[in-house]
Amino acid sequence: MKESVLSQKTKLLWQIRIALVGLVPSAVLLALSSVSLWFTVAGGFLLLLLIAAVFWYVPAYFDSYSISFPNGAIIINRGVIIKPCHIMPFSRLVYVQSISTPLAKAMGLSALSLKAARSSVTIPELSVTDAERFINAVTGDERR
């Protein structure tokens, strides 16, 4: 059984993404603070939530991720508060797709989307070679 966890690059990528997405509304609310005190309170609260998400939740979430490959299946365990476990046999997989954003591609990472008849699972960014190795293992093409 092969076990893998997500790399530090994946955590960094998600911290950058969440920081960029969260800074825009915080900045807008804090810029509107001259209009009302409520904008200052809302902007400050949103900024505190953003800091907690970037520096506590994202690292804890990605540290909890474990992916294992026992005998023709994939088992994904993850979660900080709620901890789901996904078990997907390779024989049930209908579609596997590698997804790479420009920022992820610059960092040498690629996400995987796994689809079966009644479910789908997305594995956050792995190194491009690990993603290709997984796709080759699923398709049975071990030549590469």
N, C-alpha and C. Protein backbone atom coordinates (compact mmCIF):
# COMPACT_ATOMS: atom_id res chain seq x y z
N MET A 1 0.85 -1.18 0.00
CA MET A 1 0.00 0.00 0.00
C MET A 1 0.90 1.24 0.00
N LYS A 2 0.75 2.08 -1.00
CA LYS A 2 1.54 3.29 -1.09
C LYS A 2 0.77 4.43 -0.42
N GLU A 3 1.44 5.19 0.42
CA GLU A 3 0.81 6.30 1.13
C GLU A 3 1.49 7.59 0.68
N SER A 4 0.73 8.63 0.45
CA SER A 4 1.33 9.91 0.12
C SER A 4 0.55 11.03 0.79
N VAL A 5 1.25 12.09 1.03
CA VAL A 5 0.65 13.29 1.60
C VAL A 5 0.98 14.44 0.66
N LEU A 6 0.29 15.54 0.86
CA LEU A 6 0.48 16.68 -0.02
C LEU A 6 1.74 17.46 0.37
N SER A 7 2.36 18.08 -0.60
CA SER A 7 3.62 18.78 -0.38
C SER A 7 3.42 20.16 0.23
N GLN A 8 4.51 20.73 0.68
CA GLN A 8 4.50 22.08 1.24
C GLN A 8 4.11 23.10 0.16
N LYS A 9 4.47 22.82 -1.10
CA LYS A 9 4.11 23.71 -2.20
C LYS A 9 2.59 23.82 -2.33
N THR A 10 1.87 22.71 -2.08
CA THR A 10 0.41 22.72 -2.16
C THR A 10 -0.17 23.63 -1.09
N LYS A 11 0.35 23.53 0.13
CA LYS A 11 -0.12 24.41 1.20
C LYS A 11 0.13 25.86 0.86
N LEU A 12 1.34 26.15 0.36
CA LEU A 12 1.69 27.52 0.01
C LEU A 12 0.78 28.05 -1.10
N LEU A 13 0.51 27.23 -2.11
CA LEU A 13 -0.37 27.64 -3.20
C LEU A 13 -1.75 28.00 -2.68
N TRP A 14 -2.32 27.17 -1.81
CA TRP A 14 -3.66 27.44 -1.27
C TRP A 14 -3.65 28.63 -0.32
N GLN A 15 -2.58 28.84 0.42
CA GLN A 15 -2.49 30.03 1.28
C GLN A 15 -2.46 31.29 0.42
N ILE A 16 -1.73 31.27 -0.68
CA ILE A 16 -1.70 32.43 -1.59
C ILE A 16 -3.08 32.67 -2.19
N ARG A 17 -3.75 31.61 -2.65
CA ARG A 17 -5.08 31.76 -3.25
C ARG A 17 -6.08 32.37 -2.27
N ILE A 18 -6.13 31.83 -1.06
CA ILE A 18 -7.10 32.32 -0.08
C ILE A 18 -6.76 33.75 0.34
N ALA A 19 -5.48 34.06 0.48
CA ALA A 19 -5.09 35.42 0.85
C ALA A 19 -5.50 36.41 -0.23
N LEU A 20 -5.27 36.06 -1.49
CA LEU A 20 -5.64 36.97 -2.57
C LEU A 20 -7.15 37.18 -2.65
N VAL A 21 -7.91 36.10 -2.49
CA VAL A 21 -9.36 36.20 -2.57
C VAL A 21 -9.92 36.96 -1.37
N GLY A 22 -9.34 36.78 -0.20
CA GLY A 22 -9.86 37.41 1.01
C GLY A 22 -9.43 38.85 1.21
N LEU A 23 -8.30 39.23 0.64
CA LEU A 23 -7.81 40.60 0.84
C LEU A 23 -8.66 41.64 0.11
N VAL A 24 -9.24 41.28 -1.01
CA VAL A 24 -10.04 42.25 -1.78
C VAL A 24 -11.26 42.73 -0.99
N PRO A 25 -12.14 41.82 -0.48
CA PRO A 25 -13.29 42.33 0.29
C PRO A 25 -12.87 43.03 1.58
N SER A 26 -11.80 42.56 2.22
CA SER A 26 -11.33 43.23 3.45
C SER A 26 -10.88 44.64 3.14
N ALA A 27 -10.14 44.80 2.06
CA ALA A 27 -9.66 46.13 1.69
C ALA A 27 -10.82 47.06 1.33
N VAL A 28 -11.82 46.53 0.64
CA VAL A 28 -12.99 47.35 0.28
C VAL A 28 -13.73 47.80 1.53
N LEU A 29 -13.96 46.86 2.45
CA LEU A 29 -14.67 47.22 3.69
C LEU A 29 -13.87 48.22 4.52
N LEU A 30 -12.58 48.04 4.61
CA LEU A 30 -11.77 48.98 5.38
C LEU A 30 -11.66 50.33 4.68
N ALA A 31 -11.71 50.36 3.35
CA ALA A 31 -11.71 51.63 2.62
C ALA A 31 -13.02 52.39 2.85
N LEU A 32 -14.12 51.66 3.06
CA LEU A 32 -15.41 52.29 3.32
C LEU A 32 -15.60 52.65 4.79
N SER A 33 -14.57 52.50 5.60
CA SER A 33 -14.70 52.75 7.03
C SER A 33 -15.00 54.21 7.35
N SER A 34 -14.70 55.11 6.42
CA SER A 34 -15.03 56.52 6.66
C SER A 34 -16.54 56.76 6.57
N VAL A 35 -17.28 55.87 5.93
CA VAL A 35 -18.72 55.99 5.79
C VAL A 35 -19.42 55.61 7.09
N SER A 36 -19.00 54.50 7.68
CA SER A 36 -19.65 54.01 8.88
C SER A 36 -18.68 53.15 9.69
N LEU A 37 -18.90 53.14 10.99
CA LEU A 37 -18.08 52.32 11.87
C LEU A 37 -18.30 50.83 11.60
N TRP A 38 -19.49 50.47 11.11
CA TRP A 38 -19.80 49.06 10.83
C TRP A 38 -18.91 48.49 9.75
N PHE A 39 -18.52 49.31 8.78
CA PHE A 39 -17.60 48.82 7.75
C PHE A 39 -16.24 48.49 8.35
N THR A 40 -15.80 49.28 9.33
CA THR A 40 -14.53 49.01 10.02
C THR A 40 -14.62 47.70 10.79
N VAL A 41 -15.72 47.51 11.51
CA VAL A 41 -15.91 46.28 12.29
C VAL A 41 -15.96 45.07 11.36
N ALA A 42 -16.74 45.18 10.28
CA ALA A 42 -16.87 44.07 9.34
C ALA A 42 -15.53 43.78 8.66
N GLY A 43 -14.82 44.82 8.25
CA GLY A 43 -13.52 44.64 7.60
C GLY A 43 -12.50 44.02 8.54
N GLY A 44 -12.49 44.47 9.79
CA GLY A 44 -11.57 43.90 10.78
C GLY A 44 -11.89 42.44 11.08
N PHE A 45 -13.19 42.13 11.22
CA PHE A 45 -13.60 40.75 11.47
C PHE A 45 -13.23 39.85 10.30
N LEU A 46 -13.47 40.32 9.08
CA LEU A 46 -13.13 39.54 7.90
C LEU A 46 -11.61 39.34 7.80
N LEU A 47 -10.85 40.36 8.17
CA LEU A 47 -9.39 40.24 8.17
C LEU A 47 -8.91 39.21 9.19
N LEU A 48 -9.53 39.18 10.37
CA LEU A 48 -9.18 38.18 11.38
C LEU A 48 -9.52 36.77 10.90
N LEU A 49 -10.68 36.61 10.26
CA LEU A 49 -11.04 35.31 9.70
C LEU A 49 -10.06 34.88 8.61
N LEU A 50 -9.63 35.82 7.80
CA LEU A 50 -8.67 35.54 6.74
C LEU A 50 -7.34 35.09 7.32
N ILE A 51 -6.87 35.76 8.36
CA ILE A 51 -5.61 35.39 9.01
C ILE A 51 -5.72 33.98 9.60
N ALA A 52 -6.85 33.68 10.26
CA ALA A 52 -7.05 32.35 10.83
C ALA A 52 -7.09 31.29 9.73
N ALA A 53 -7.74 31.59 8.62
CA ALA A 53 -7.83 30.63 7.52
C ALA A 53 -6.46 30.37 6.90
N VAL A 54 -5.71 31.42 6.66
CA VAL A 54 -4.42 31.27 5.97
C VAL A 54 -3.37 30.60 6.86
N PHE A 55 -3.33 31.00 8.14
CA PHE A 55 -2.23 30.52 8.98
C PHE A 55 -2.59 29.34 9.89
N TRP A 56 -3.89 29.03 10.07
CA TRP A 56 -4.24 27.88 10.89
C TRP A 56 -4.98 26.81 10.09
N TYR A 57 -6.11 27.18 9.46
CA TYR A 57 -6.96 26.17 8.85
C TYR A 57 -6.32 25.49 7.64
N VAL A 58 -5.77 26.26 6.72
CA VAL A 58 -5.18 25.66 5.51
C VAL A 58 -4.05 24.70 5.85
N PRO A 59 -3.08 25.08 6.71
CA PRO A 59 -2.04 24.10 7.07
C PRO A 59 -2.61 22.87 7.78
N ALA A 60 -3.57 23.07 8.68
CA ALA A 60 -4.15 21.92 9.38
C ALA A 60 -4.91 21.01 8.42
N TYR A 61 -5.63 21.59 7.47
CA TYR A 61 -6.39 20.81 6.50
C TYR A 61 -5.46 19.97 5.63
N PHE A 62 -4.42 20.58 5.10
CA PHE A 62 -3.53 19.85 4.21
C PHE A 62 -2.62 18.88 4.96
N ASP A 63 -2.35 19.12 6.25
CA ASP A 63 -1.62 18.14 7.06
C ASP A 63 -2.48 16.91 7.32
N SER A 64 -3.81 17.08 7.34
CA SER A 64 -4.70 15.95 7.60
C SER A 64 -4.91 15.08 6.37
N TYR A 65 -4.53 15.55 5.19
CA TYR A 65 -4.72 14.82 3.94
C TYR A 65 -3.81 13.60 3.88
N SER A 66 -4.38 12.43 3.63
CA SER A 66 -3.57 11.25 3.32
C SER A 66 -4.23 10.50 2.18
N ILE A 67 -3.41 10.07 1.25
CA ILE A 67 -3.87 9.36 0.07
C ILE A 67 -3.13 8.03 0.04
N SER A 68 -3.87 6.94 -0.03
CA SER A 68 -3.23 5.63 -0.11
C SER A 68 -3.81 4.84 -1.27
N PHE A 69 -3.01 3.92 -1.80
CA PHE A 69 -3.38 3.13 -2.97
C PHE A 69 -3.26 1.65 -2.67
N PRO A 70 -4.22 1.07 -1.94
CA PRO A 70 -4.15 -0.37 -1.67
C PRO A 70 -4.81 -1.17 -2.80
N ASN A 71 -4.08 -2.07 -3.41
CA ASN A 71 -4.61 -3.05 -4.37
C ASN A 71 -5.73 -2.56 -5.29
N GLY A 72 -5.43 -1.62 -6.15
CA GLY A 72 -6.40 -1.22 -7.16
C GLY A 72 -7.50 -0.29 -6.68
N ALA A 73 -7.23 0.49 -5.64
CA ALA A 73 -8.22 1.46 -5.16
C ALA A 73 -7.47 2.69 -4.65
N ILE A 74 -8.20 3.74 -4.42
CA ILE A 74 -7.62 4.94 -3.83
C ILE A 74 -8.45 5.28 -2.60
N ILE A 75 -7.77 5.56 -1.50
CA ILE A 75 -8.43 5.95 -0.25
C ILE A 75 -7.92 7.33 0.11
N ILE A 76 -8.84 8.26 0.27
CA ILE A 76 -8.49 9.64 0.60
C ILE A 76 -9.12 9.99 1.94
N ASN A 77 -8.29 10.31 2.92
CA ASN A 77 -8.74 10.79 4.23
C ASN A 77 -8.32 12.24 4.35
N ARG A 78 -9.23 13.08 4.84
CA ARG A 78 -8.93 14.50 4.98
C ARG A 78 -9.85 15.12 6.01
N GLY A 79 -9.59 16.37 6.36
CA GLY A 79 -10.49 17.11 7.21
C GLY A 79 -9.91 17.52 8.54
N VAL A 80 -10.36 18.66 9.03
CA VAL A 80 -9.93 19.17 10.33
C VAL A 80 -11.03 18.93 11.34
N ILE A 81 -12.23 19.37 11.04
CA ILE A 81 -13.36 19.22 11.96
C ILE A 81 -14.20 18.02 11.55
N ILE A 82 -14.63 17.98 10.31
CA ILE A 82 -15.35 16.84 9.75
C ILE A 82 -14.35 16.07 8.90
N LYS A 83 -14.24 14.76 9.12
CA LYS A 83 -13.19 13.96 8.49
C LYS A 83 -13.77 12.87 7.59
N PRO A 84 -14.12 13.22 6.35
CA PRO A 84 -14.65 12.20 5.45
C PRO A 84 -13.53 11.29 4.92
N CYS A 85 -13.93 10.10 4.54
CA CYS A 85 -13.01 9.13 3.94
C CYS A 85 -13.63 8.69 2.61
N HIS A 86 -12.89 8.89 1.51
CA HIS A 86 -13.36 8.48 0.19
C HIS A 86 -12.60 7.24 -0.23
N ILE A 87 -13.33 6.20 -0.61
CA ILE A 87 -12.73 4.98 -1.13
C ILE A 87 -13.27 4.78 -2.54
N MET A 88 -12.38 4.77 -3.51
CA MET A 88 -12.79 4.67 -4.90
C MET A 88 -11.96 3.60 -5.61
N PRO A 89 -12.55 2.45 -5.96
CA PRO A 89 -11.81 1.43 -6.71
C PRO A 89 -11.47 1.94 -8.11
N PHE A 90 -10.30 1.58 -8.60
CA PHE A 90 -9.90 2.00 -9.95
C PHE A 90 -10.90 1.51 -10.99
N SER A 91 -11.50 0.35 -10.76
CA SER A 91 -12.43 -0.21 -11.74
C SER A 91 -13.70 0.63 -11.88
N ARG A 92 -14.03 1.43 -10.87
CA ARG A 92 -15.24 2.28 -10.91
C ARG A 92 -14.97 3.65 -11.51
N LEU A 93 -13.70 4.02 -11.65
CA LEU A 93 -13.38 5.33 -12.19
C LEU A 93 -13.78 5.41 -13.66
N VAL A 94 -14.48 6.49 -13.98
CA VAL A 94 -14.92 6.70 -15.35
C VAL A 94 -14.02 7.72 -16.03
N TYR A 95 -13.54 8.69 -15.25
CA TYR A 95 -12.85 9.83 -15.84
C TYR A 95 -11.82 10.34 -14.85
N VAL A 96 -10.60 10.57 -15.30
CA VAL A 96 -9.55 11.18 -14.50
C VAL A 96 -8.99 12.34 -15.30
N GLN A 97 -8.94 13.51 -14.68
CA GLN A 97 -8.49 14.70 -15.37
C GLN A 97 -7.44 15.41 -14.55
N SER A 98 -6.41 15.88 -15.20
CA SER A 98 -5.37 16.68 -14.56
C SER A 98 -5.69 18.15 -14.82
N ILE A 99 -5.70 18.96 -13.75
CA ILE A 99 -6.07 20.36 -13.85
C ILE A 99 -4.91 21.20 -13.33
N SER A 100 -4.52 22.21 -14.08
CA SER A 100 -3.41 23.05 -13.64
C SER A 100 -3.72 24.51 -13.96
N THR A 101 -3.73 25.35 -12.93
CA THR A 101 -3.90 26.79 -13.11
C THR A 101 -2.54 27.40 -13.44
N PRO A 102 -2.49 28.62 -13.93
CA PRO A 102 -1.19 29.23 -14.24
C PRO A 102 -0.26 29.31 -13.01
N LEU A 103 -0.80 29.65 -11.85
CA LEU A 103 0.02 29.72 -10.65
C LEU A 103 0.52 28.34 -10.23
N ALA A 104 -0.36 27.33 -10.31
CA ALA A 104 0.04 25.96 -9.98
C ALA A 104 1.07 25.44 -10.97
N LYS A 105 0.89 25.77 -12.24
CA LYS A 105 1.84 25.33 -13.26
C LYS A 105 3.21 25.93 -13.03
N ALA A 106 3.25 27.19 -12.61
CA ALA A 106 4.53 27.84 -12.31
C ALA A 106 5.22 27.18 -11.13
N MET A 107 4.45 26.60 -10.21
CA MET A 107 5.02 25.92 -9.05
C MET A 107 5.26 24.43 -9.31
N GLY A 108 4.93 23.95 -10.51
CA GLY A 108 5.14 22.55 -10.87
C GLY A 108 4.12 21.61 -10.25
N LEU A 109 2.87 22.10 -10.09
CA LEU A 109 1.82 21.31 -9.45
C LEU A 109 0.64 21.11 -10.40
N SER A 110 -0.13 20.06 -10.14
CA SER A 110 -1.31 19.77 -10.94
C SER A 110 -2.33 19.04 -10.07
N ALA A 111 -3.59 19.47 -10.11
CA ALA A 111 -4.66 18.82 -9.35
C ALA A 111 -5.25 17.69 -10.19
N LEU A 112 -5.91 16.76 -9.51
CA LEU A 112 -6.56 15.66 -10.19
C LEU A 112 -8.04 15.65 -9.86
N SER A 113 -8.87 15.44 -10.87
CA SER A 113 -10.30 15.28 -10.69
C SER A 113 -10.65 13.85 -11.06
N LEU A 114 -11.22 13.12 -10.08
CA LEU A 114 -11.60 11.72 -10.28
C LEU A 114 -13.12 11.63 -10.31
N LYS A 115 -13.66 11.02 -11.34
CA LYS A 115 -15.11 10.90 -11.45
C LYS A 115 -15.50 9.43 -11.61
N ALA A 116 -16.50 9.04 -10.83
CA ALA A 116 -17.09 7.70 -10.94
C ALA A 116 -18.56 7.91 -11.30
N ALA A 117 -19.31 6.83 -11.38
CA ALA A 117 -20.70 6.92 -11.81
C ALA A 117 -21.53 7.82 -10.91
N ARG A 118 -21.37 7.75 -9.61
CA ARG A 118 -22.21 8.52 -8.71
C ARG A 118 -21.43 9.49 -7.82
N SER A 119 -20.16 9.65 -8.03
CA SER A 119 -19.39 10.53 -7.16
C SER A 119 -18.21 11.13 -7.90
N SER A 120 -17.63 12.13 -7.29
CA SER A 120 -16.41 12.71 -7.82
C SER A 120 -15.57 13.21 -6.65
N VAL A 121 -14.27 13.17 -6.83
CA VAL A 121 -13.33 13.61 -5.82
C VAL A 121 -12.25 14.42 -6.52
N THR A 122 -11.85 15.52 -5.91
CA THR A 122 -10.75 16.31 -6.43
C THR A 122 -9.59 16.20 -5.45
N ILE A 123 -8.44 15.82 -5.95
CA ILE A 123 -7.23 15.77 -5.15
C ILE A 123 -6.49 17.07 -5.39
N PRO A 124 -6.21 17.83 -4.33
CA PRO A 124 -5.48 19.08 -4.53
C PRO A 124 -4.13 18.83 -5.19
N GLU A 125 -3.47 19.89 -5.51
CA GLU A 125 -2.29 19.86 -6.33
C GLU A 125 -1.20 18.90 -5.83
N LEU A 126 -0.79 18.02 -6.72
CA LEU A 126 0.35 17.13 -6.53
C LEU A 126 1.44 17.60 -7.48
N SER A 127 2.64 17.09 -7.33
CA SER A 127 3.66 17.40 -8.33
C SER A 127 3.20 16.81 -9.66
N VAL A 128 3.63 17.41 -10.75
CA VAL A 128 3.20 16.98 -12.08
C VAL A 128 3.59 15.53 -12.32
N THR A 129 4.75 15.12 -11.86
CA THR A 129 5.18 13.73 -12.08
C THR A 129 4.31 12.76 -11.28
N ASP A 130 3.93 13.13 -10.04
CA ASP A 130 3.05 12.27 -9.24
C ASP A 130 1.67 12.17 -9.88
N ALA A 131 1.17 13.28 -10.41
CA ALA A 131 -0.13 13.26 -11.08
C ALA A 131 -0.09 12.38 -12.32
N GLU A 132 0.96 12.49 -13.11
CA GLU A 132 1.08 11.65 -14.30
C GLU A 132 1.23 10.18 -13.92
N ARG A 133 1.98 9.91 -12.86
CA ARG A 133 2.16 8.53 -12.39
C ARG A 133 0.83 7.94 -11.95
N PHE A 134 0.02 8.74 -11.27
CA PHE A 134 -1.30 8.26 -10.83
C PHE A 134 -2.20 7.98 -12.04
N ILE A 135 -2.22 8.89 -13.00
CA ILE A 135 -3.05 8.69 -14.20
C ILE A 135 -2.60 7.44 -14.95
N ASN A 136 -1.29 7.23 -15.06
CA ASN A 136 -0.79 6.03 -15.73
C ASN A 136 -1.16 4.76 -14.96
N ALA A 137 -1.15 4.81 -13.63
CA ALA A 137 -1.53 3.64 -12.83
C ALA A 137 -3.01 3.32 -13.01
N VAL A 138 -3.84 4.35 -13.09
CA VAL A 138 -5.29 4.14 -13.26
C VAL A 138 -5.60 3.59 -14.65
N THR A 139 -4.94 4.14 -15.65
CA THR A 139 -5.22 3.70 -17.01
C THR A 139 -4.53 2.39 -17.37
N GLY A 140 -3.61 1.95 -16.52
CA GLY A 140 -2.89 0.71 -16.77
C GLY A 140 -1.73 0.89 -17.74
N ASP A 141 -1.37 2.13 -18.03
CA ASP A 141 -0.28 2.44 -18.94
C ASP A 141 0.99 2.69 -18.13
N GLU A 142 1.74 1.65 -17.82
CA GLU A 142 2.94 1.75 -16.99
C GLU A 142 4.20 2.03 -17.81
N ARG A 143 4.06 2.21 -19.11
CA ARG A 143 5.23 2.39 -19.97
C ARG A 143 5.98 3.67 -19.69
N ARG A 144 5.29 4.73 -19.29
CA ARG A 144 5.93 6.04 -19.12
C ARG A 144 6.68 6.17 -17.86
